Amino acid sequence: MAIIINLDVMLAKRKMSVTELSEKVGITMANLSILKNGKAKAIRFSTLEGICQALDCQPGDILEYRSDDDVAE
């Protein structure tokens, strides 16, 4: 099972930098980078809410589930 983080896609769609998102959400650049690169093990709902508010999107625009079969292809 894999959860794919599409944060970079939403940042590009909104023409927003990681730095700008970091300031709007109140999350460090390091933690945002960990999330963006798919290395995070968890995300707080309050952080997800802040990201969605800043990017004017839904959680499903950022998080995507792919089964192991889909990921291997």
PDB file of N, CA and C in Angstrom:
ATOM      1  N   MET A   1       0.852  -1.176   0.000  1.00  0.00           N
ATOM      2  CA  MET A   1       0.000   0.000   0.000  1.00  0.00           C
ATOM      3  C   MET A   1       0.893   1.232   0.000  1.00  0.00           C
ATOM      4  N   ALA A   2       0.491   2.223  -0.784  1.00  0.00           N
ATOM      5  CA  ALA A   2       1.289   3.450  -0.861  1.00  0.00           C
ATOM      6  C   ALA A   2       0.376   4.669  -0.919  1.00  0.00           C
ATOM      7  N   ILE A   3       0.721   5.642  -0.127  1.00  0.00           N
ATOM      8  CA  ILE A   3       0.052   6.936  -0.179  1.00  0.00           C
ATOM      9  C   ILE A   3       1.006   7.872  -0.915  1.00  0.00           C
ATOM     10  N   ILE A   4       0.544   8.426  -2.005  1.00  0.00           N
ATOM     11  CA  ILE A   4       1.334   9.321  -2.832  1.00  0.00           C
ATOM     12  C   ILE A   4       0.968  10.758  -2.461  1.00  0.00           C
ATOM     13  N   ILE A   5       1.968  11.592  -2.272  1.00  0.00           N
ATOM     14  CA  ILE A   5       1.767  12.995  -1.935  1.00  0.00           C
ATOM     15  C   ILE A   5       1.942  13.823  -3.211  1.00  0.00           C
ATOM     16  N   ASN A   6       0.884  14.507  -3.612  1.00  0.00           N
ATOM     17  CA  ASN A   6       0.907  15.325  -4.825  1.00  0.00           C
ATOM     18  C   ASN A   6       1.031  16.813  -4.500  1.00  0.00           C
ATOM     19  N   LEU A   7       1.768  17.122  -3.467  1.00  0.00           N
ATOM     20  CA  LEU A   7       1.906  18.508  -3.033  1.00  0.00           C
ATOM     21  C   LEU A   7       2.599  19.358  -4.093  1.00  0.00           C
ATOM     22  N   ASP A   8       3.621  18.800  -4.738  1.00  0.00           N
ATOM     23  CA  ASP A   8       4.328  19.553  -5.765  1.00  0.00           C
ATOM     24  C   ASP A   8       3.419  19.896  -6.941  1.00  0.00           C
ATOM     25  N   VAL A   9       2.486  19.005  -7.257  1.00  0.00           N
ATOM     26  CA  VAL A   9       1.533  19.251  -8.339  1.00  0.00           C
ATOM     27  C   VAL A   9       0.626  20.423  -7.979  1.00  0.00           C
ATOM     28  N   MET A  10       0.113  20.429  -6.747  1.00  0.00           N
ATOM     29  CA  MET A  10      -0.774  21.515  -6.324  1.00  0.00           C
ATOM     30  C   MET A  10      -0.019  22.838  -6.217  1.00  0.00           C
ATOM     31  N   LEU A  11       1.220  22.793  -5.764  1.00  0.00           N
ATOM     32  CA  LEU A  11       2.024  24.009  -5.700  1.00  0.00           C
ATOM     33  C   LEU A  11       2.209  24.599  -7.104  1.00  0.00           C
ATOM     34  N   ALA A  12       2.471  23.738  -8.064  1.00  0.00           N
ATOM     35  CA  ALA A  12       2.652  24.196  -9.445  1.00  0.00           C
ATOM     36  C   ALA A  12       1.347  24.771 -10.002  1.00  0.00           C
ATOM     37  N   LYS A  13       0.230  24.088  -9.733  1.00  0.00           N
ATOM     38  CA  LYS A  13      -1.072  24.568 -10.222  1.00  0.00           C
ATOM     39  C   LYS A  13      -1.415  25.940  -9.646  1.00  0.00           C
ATOM     40  N   ARG A  14      -1.041  26.164  -8.399  1.00  0.00           N
ATOM     41  CA  ARG A  14      -1.357  27.432  -7.727  1.00  0.00           C
ATOM     42  C   ARG A  14      -0.238  28.459  -7.884  1.00  0.00           C
ATOM     43  N   LYS A  15       0.841  28.053  -8.597  1.00  0.00           N
ATOM     44  CA  LYS A  15       1.997  28.943  -8.795  1.00  0.00           C
ATOM     45  C   LYS A  15       2.501  29.513  -7.461  1.00  0.00           C
ATOM     46  N   MET A  16       2.655  28.597  -6.507  1.00  0.00           N
ATOM     47  CA  MET A  16       3.098  28.979  -5.164  1.00  0.00           C
ATOM     48  C   MET A  16       4.408  28.262  -4.853  1.00  0.00           C
ATOM     49  N   SER A  17       5.305  28.950  -4.197  1.00  0.00           N
ATOM     50  CA  SER A  17       6.582  28.344  -3.810  1.00  0.00           C
ATOM     51  C   SER A  17       6.431  27.599  -2.488  1.00  0.00           C
ATOM     52  N   VAL A  18       7.370  26.708  -2.232  1.00  0.00           N
ATOM     53  CA  VAL A  18       7.394  25.972  -0.971  1.00  0.00           C
ATOM     54  C   VAL A  18       7.574  26.958   0.186  1.00  0.00           C
ATOM     55  N   THR A  19       8.377  27.983  -0.035  1.00  0.00           N
ATOM     56  CA  THR A  19       8.612  28.996   0.991  1.00  0.00           C
ATOM     57  C   THR A  19       7.324  29.723   1.344  1.00  0.00           C
ATOM     58  N   GLU A  20       6.572  30.110   0.326  1.00  0.00           N
ATOM     59  CA  GLU A  20       5.309  30.818   0.555  1.00  0.00           C
ATOM     60  C   GLU A  20       4.309  29.925   1.294  1.00  0.00           C
ATOM     61  N   LEU A  21       4.217  28.666   0.891  1.00  0.00           N
ATOM     62  CA  LEU A  21       3.309  27.732   1.565  1.00  0.00           C
ATOM     63  C   LEU A  21       3.738  27.540   3.015  1.00  0.00           C
ATOM     64  N   SER A  22       5.017  27.409   3.237  1.00  0.00           N
ATOM     65  CA  SER A  22       5.557  27.236   4.583  1.00  0.00           C
ATOM     66  C   SER A  22       5.135  28.391   5.494  1.00  0.00           C
ATOM     67  N   GLU A  23       5.229  29.605   4.974  1.00  0.00           N
ATOM     68  CA  GLU A  23       4.856  30.786   5.763  1.00  0.00           C
ATOM     69  C   GLU A  23       3.353  30.834   6.029  1.00  0.00           C
ATOM     70  N   LYS A  24       2.550  30.487   5.029  1.00  0.00           N
ATOM     71  CA  LYS A  24       1.093  30.542   5.180  1.00  0.00           C
ATOM     72  C   LYS A  24       0.578  29.487   6.158  1.00  0.00           C
ATOM     73  N   VAL A  25       1.191  28.312   6.137  1.00  0.00           N
ATOM     74  CA  VAL A  25       0.719  27.197   6.966  1.00  0.00           C
ATOM     75  C   VAL A  25       1.352  27.220   8.352  1.00  0.00           C
ATOM     76  N   GLY A  26       2.538  27.792   8.461  1.00  0.00           N
ATOM     77  CA  GLY A  26       3.241  27.789   9.740  1.00  0.00           C
ATOM     78  C   GLY A  26       3.957  26.480   9.991  1.00  0.00           C
ATOM     79  N   ILE A  27       4.469  25.883   8.940  1.00  0.00           N
ATOM     80  CA  ILE A  27       5.232  24.640   9.026  1.00  0.00           C
ATOM     81  C   ILE A  27       6.651  24.941   8.534  1.00  0.00           C
ATOM     82  N   THR A  28       7.633  24.291   9.123  1.00  0.00           N
ATOM     83  CA  THR A  28       9.012  24.570   8.711  1.00  0.00           C
ATOM     84  C   THR A  28       9.250  24.068   7.292  1.00  0.00           C
ATOM     85  N   MET A  29      10.223  24.677   6.643  1.00  0.00           N
ATOM     86  CA  MET A  29      10.606  24.251   5.292  1.00  0.00           C
ATOM     87  C   MET A  29      11.061  22.791   5.309  1.00  0.00           C
ATOM     88  N   ALA A  30      11.777  22.407   6.365  1.00  0.00           N
ATOM     89  CA  ALA A  30      12.274  21.028   6.473  1.00  0.00           C
ATOM     90  C   ALA A  30      11.115  20.034   6.531  1.00  0.00           C
ATOM     91  N   ASN A  31      10.114  20.314   7.360  1.00  0.00           N
ATOM     92  CA  ASN A  31       8.969  19.405   7.468  1.00  0.00           C
ATOM     93  C   ASN A  31       8.141  19.393   6.197  1.00  0.00           C
ATOM     94  N   LEU A  32       8.010  20.535   5.560  1.00  0.00           N
ATOM     95  CA  LEU A  32       7.271  20.600   4.302  1.00  0.00           C
ATOM     96  C   LEU A  32       8.002  19.814   3.218  1.00  0.00           C
ATOM     97  N   SER A  33       9.312  19.888   3.213  1.00  0.00           N
ATOM     98  CA  SER A  33      10.120  19.139   2.253  1.00  0.00           C
ATOM     99  C   SER A  33       9.979  17.634   2.470  1.00  0.00           C
ATOM    100  N   ILE A  34       9.979  17.207   3.728  1.00  0.00           N
ATOM    101  CA  ILE A  34       9.788  15.785   4.053  1.00  0.00           C
ATOM    102  C   ILE A  34       8.431  15.310   3.533  1.00  0.00           C
ATOM    103  N   LEU A  35       7.419  16.116   3.745  1.00  0.00           N
ATOM    104  CA  LEU A  35       6.074  15.774   3.267  1.00  0.00           C
ATOM    105  C   LEU A  35       6.041  15.748   1.742  1.00  0.00           C
ATOM    106  N   LYS A  36       6.581  16.769   1.131  1.00  0.00           N
ATOM    107  CA  LYS A  36       6.567  16.910  -0.326  1.00  0.00           C
ATOM    108  C   LYS A  36       7.285  15.753  -1.012  1.00  0.00           C
ATOM    109  N   ASN A  37       8.367  15.274  -0.397  1.00  0.00           N
ATOM    110  CA  ASN A  37       9.149  14.191  -0.991  1.00  0.00           C
ATOM    111  C   ASN A  37       8.641  12.798  -0.632  1.00  0.00           C
ATOM    112  N   GLY A  38       7.506  12.733   0.055  1.00  0.00           N
ATOM    113  CA  GLY A  38       6.911  11.441   0.378  1.00  0.00           C
ATOM    114  C   GLY A  38       7.620  10.681   1.480  1.00  0.00           C
ATOM    115  N   LYS A  39       8.420  11.360   2.287  1.00  0.00           N
ATOM    116  CA  LYS A  39       9.172  10.700   3.359  1.00  0.00           C
ATOM    117  C   LYS A  39       8.443  10.759   4.705  1.00  0.00           C
ATOM    118  N   ALA A  40       7.357  11.503   4.779  1.00  0.00           N
ATOM    119  CA  ALA A  40       6.624  11.651   6.042  1.00  0.00           C
ATOM    120  C   ALA A  40       5.891  10.358   6.382  1.00  0.00           C
ATOM    121  N   LYS A  41       5.850  10.048   7.670  1.00  0.00           N
ATOM    122  CA  LYS A  41       5.126   8.868   8.150  1.00  0.00           C
ATOM    123  C   LYS A  41       3.711   9.230   8.582  1.00  0.00           C
ATOM    124  N   ALA A  42       3.476  10.517   8.826  1.00  0.00           N
ATOM    125  CA  ALA A  42       2.162  10.966   9.294  1.00  0.00           C
ATOM    126  C   ALA A  42       2.016  12.452   8.983  1.00  0.00           C
ATOM    127  N   ILE A  43       0.764  12.913   9.023  1.00  0.00           N
ATOM    128  CA  ILE A  43       0.484  14.338   8.877  1.00  0.00           C
ATOM    129  C   ILE A  43      -0.670  14.676   9.810  1.00  0.00           C
ATOM    130  N   ARG A  44      -0.538  15.750  10.530  1.00  0.00           N
ATOM    131  CA  ARG A  44      -1.613  16.179  11.420  1.00  0.00           C
ATOM    132  C   ARG A  44      -2.758  16.748  10.583  1.00  0.00           C
ATOM    133  N   PHE A  45      -3.970  16.519  11.051  1.00  0.00           N
ATOM    134  CA  PHE A  45      -5.123  17.073  10.349  1.00  0.00           C
ATOM    135  C   PHE A  45      -5.048  18.594  10.301  1.00  0.00           C
ATOM    136  N   SER A  46      -4.528  19.205  11.348  1.00  0.00           N
ATOM    137  CA  SER A  46      -4.428  20.666  11.356  1.00  0.00           C
ATOM    138  C   SER A  46      -3.450  21.151  10.280  1.00  0.00           C
ATOM    139  N   THR A  47      -2.376  20.391  10.046  1.00  0.00           N
ATOM    140  CA  THR A  47      -1.431  20.735   8.984  1.00  0.00           C
ATOM    141  C   THR A  47      -2.071  20.538   7.626  1.00  0.00           C
ATOM    142  N   LEU A  48      -2.761  19.424   7.453  1.00  0.00           N
ATOM    143  CA  LEU A  48      -3.453  19.146   6.189  1.00  0.00           C
ATOM    144  C   LEU A  48      -4.503  20.217   5.921  1.00  0.00           C
ATOM    145  N   GLU A  49      -5.220  20.614   6.956  1.00  0.00           N
ATOM    146  CA  GLU A  49      -6.226  21.663   6.823  1.00  0.00           C
ATOM    147  C   GLU A  49      -5.581  22.980   6.391  1.00  0.00           C
ATOM    148  N   GLY A  50      -4.454  23.324   7.002  1.00  0.00           N
ATOM    149  CA  GLY A  50      -3.742  24.549   6.653  1.00  0.00           C
ATOM    150  C   GLY A  50      -3.250  24.538   5.215  1.00  0.00           C
ATOM    151  N   ILE A  51      -2.730  23.397   4.776  1.00  0.00           N
ATOM    152  CA  ILE A  51      -2.254  23.265   3.395  1.00  0.00           C
ATOM    153  C   ILE A  51      -3.424  23.408   2.428  1.00  0.00           C
ATOM    154  N   CYS A  52      -4.531  22.737   2.735  1.00  0.00           N
ATOM    155  CA  CYS A  52      -5.712  22.820   1.867  1.00  0.00           C
ATOM    156  C   CYS A  52      -6.257  24.247   1.809  1.00  0.00           C
ATOM    157  N   GLN A  53      -6.243  24.930   2.928  1.00  0.00           N
ATOM    158  CA  GLN A  53      -6.723  26.312   2.960  1.00  0.00           C
ATOM    159  C   GLN A  53      -5.808  27.207   2.130  1.00  0.00           C
ATOM    160  N   ALA A  54      -4.505  27.055   2.298  1.00  0.00           N
ATOM    161  CA  ALA A  54      -3.544  27.892   1.579  1.00  0.00           C
ATOM    162  C   ALA A  54      -3.571  27.634   0.079  1.00  0.00           C
ATOM    163  N   LEU A  55      -3.792  26.368  -0.307  1.00  0.00           N
ATOM    164  CA  LEU A  55      -3.792  26.013  -1.730  1.00  0.00           C
ATOM    165  C   LEU A  55      -5.195  25.980  -2.338  1.00  0.00           C
ATOM    166  N   ASP A  56      -6.208  26.266  -1.518  1.00  0.00           N
ATOM    167  CA  ASP A  56      -7.598  26.234  -1.976  1.00  0.00           C
ATOM    168  C   ASP A  56      -7.903  24.918  -2.693  1.00  0.00           C
ATOM    169  N   CYS A  57      -7.707  23.817  -1.950  1.00  0.00           N
ATOM    170  CA  CYS A  57      -7.913  22.491  -2.527  1.00  0.00           C
ATOM    171  C   CYS A  57      -8.518  21.551  -1.481  1.00  0.00           C
ATOM    172  N   GLN A  58      -8.775  20.339  -1.884  1.00  0.00           N
ATOM    173  CA  GLN A  58      -9.300  19.299  -1.019  1.00  0.00           C
ATOM    174  C   GLN A  58      -8.166  18.337  -0.642  1.00  0.00           C
ATOM    175  N   PRO A  59      -8.281  17.618   0.492  1.00  0.00           N
ATOM    176  CA  PRO A  59      -7.243  16.657   0.870  1.00  0.00           C
ATOM    177  C   PRO A  59      -6.949  15.642  -0.241  1.00  0.00           C
ATOM    178  N   GLY A  60      -7.966  15.252  -0.975  1.00  0.00           N
ATOM    179  CA  GLY A  60      -7.783  14.295  -2.072  1.00  0.00           C
ATOM    180  C   GLY A  60      -6.969  14.840  -3.229  1.00  0.00           C
ATOM    181  N   ASP A  61      -6.821  16.156  -3.293  1.00  0.00           N
ATOM    182  CA  ASP A  61      -5.962  16.756  -4.319  1.00  0.00           C
ATOM    183  C   ASP A  61      -4.486  16.578  -3.958  1.00  0.00           C
ATOM    184  N   ILE A  62      -4.223  16.377  -2.682  1.00  0.00           N
ATOM    185  CA  ILE A  62      -2.847  16.256  -2.193  1.00  0.00           C
ATOM    186  C   ILE A  62      -2.470  14.800  -1.931  1.00  0.00           C
ATOM    187  N   LEU A  63      -3.397  14.033  -1.348  1.00  0.00           N
ATOM    188  CA  LEU A  63      -3.134  12.644  -0.984  1.00  0.00           C
ATOM    189  C   LEU A  63      -3.803  11.699  -1.975  1.00  0.00           C
ATOM    190  N   GLU A  64      -3.071  10.681  -2.380  1.00  0.00           N
ATOM    191  CA  GLU A  64      -3.602   9.694  -3.328  1.00  0.00           C
ATOM    192  C   GLU A  64      -3.183   8.310  -2.869  1.00  0.00           C
ATOM    193  N   TYR A  65      -4.102   7.363  -2.921  1.00  0.00           N
ATOM    194  CA  TYR A  65      -3.787   5.983  -2.566  1.00  0.00           C
ATOM    195  C   TYR A  65      -3.544   5.181  -3.835  1.00  0.00           C
ATOM    196  N   ARG A  66      -2.472   4.398  -3.819  1.00  0.00           N
ATOM    197  CA  ARG A  66      -2.209   3.452  -4.910  1.00  0.00           C
ATOM    198  C   ARG A  66      -1.878   2.110  -4.278  1.00  0.00           C
ATOM    199  N   SER A  67      -2.455   1.060  -4.835  1.00  0.00           N
ATOM    200  CA  SER A  67      -2.147  -0.273  -4.310  1.00  0.00           C
ATOM    201  C   SER A  67      -0.711  -0.636  -4.708  1.00  0.00           C
ATOM    202  N   ASP A  68      -0.162  -1.648  -4.068  1.00  0.00           N
ATOM    203  CA  ASP A  68       1.204  -2.069  -4.351  1.00  0.00           C
ATOM    204  C   ASP A  68       1.360  -2.458  -5.813  1.00  0.00           C
ATOM    205  N   ASP A  69       0.323  -3.031  -6.409  1.00  0.00           N
ATOM    206  CA  ASP A  69       0.374  -3.417  -7.815  1.00  0.00           C
ATOM    207  C   ASP A  69       0.547  -2.199  -8.720  1.00  0.00           C
ATOM    208  N   ASP A  70      -0.157  -1.112  -8.394  1.00  0.00           N
ATOM    209  CA  ASP A  70      -0.083   0.114  -9.190  1.00  0.00           C
ATOM    210  C   ASP A  70       1.275   0.788  -9.058  1.00  0.00           C
ATOM    211  N   VAL A  71       1.848   0.738  -7.853  1.00  0.00           N
ATOM    212  CA  VAL A  71       3.115   1.404  -7.589  1.00  0.00           C
ATOM    213  C   VAL A  71       4.256   0.714  -8.313  1.00  0.00           C
ATOM    214  N   ALA A  72       4.200  -0.608  -8.416  1.00  0.00           N
ATOM    215  CA  ALA A  72       5.276  -1.385  -9.035  1.00  0.00           C
ATOM    216  C   ALA A  72       5.367  -1.149 -10.540  1.00  0.00           C
ATOM    217  N   GLU A  73       4.284  -0.725 -11.140  1.00  0.00           N
ATOM    218  CA  GLU A  73       4.280  -0.549 -12.603  1.00  0.00           C
ATOM    219  C   GLU A  73       4.994   0.672 -13.054  1.00  0.00           C
TER     220      GLU A  73
END
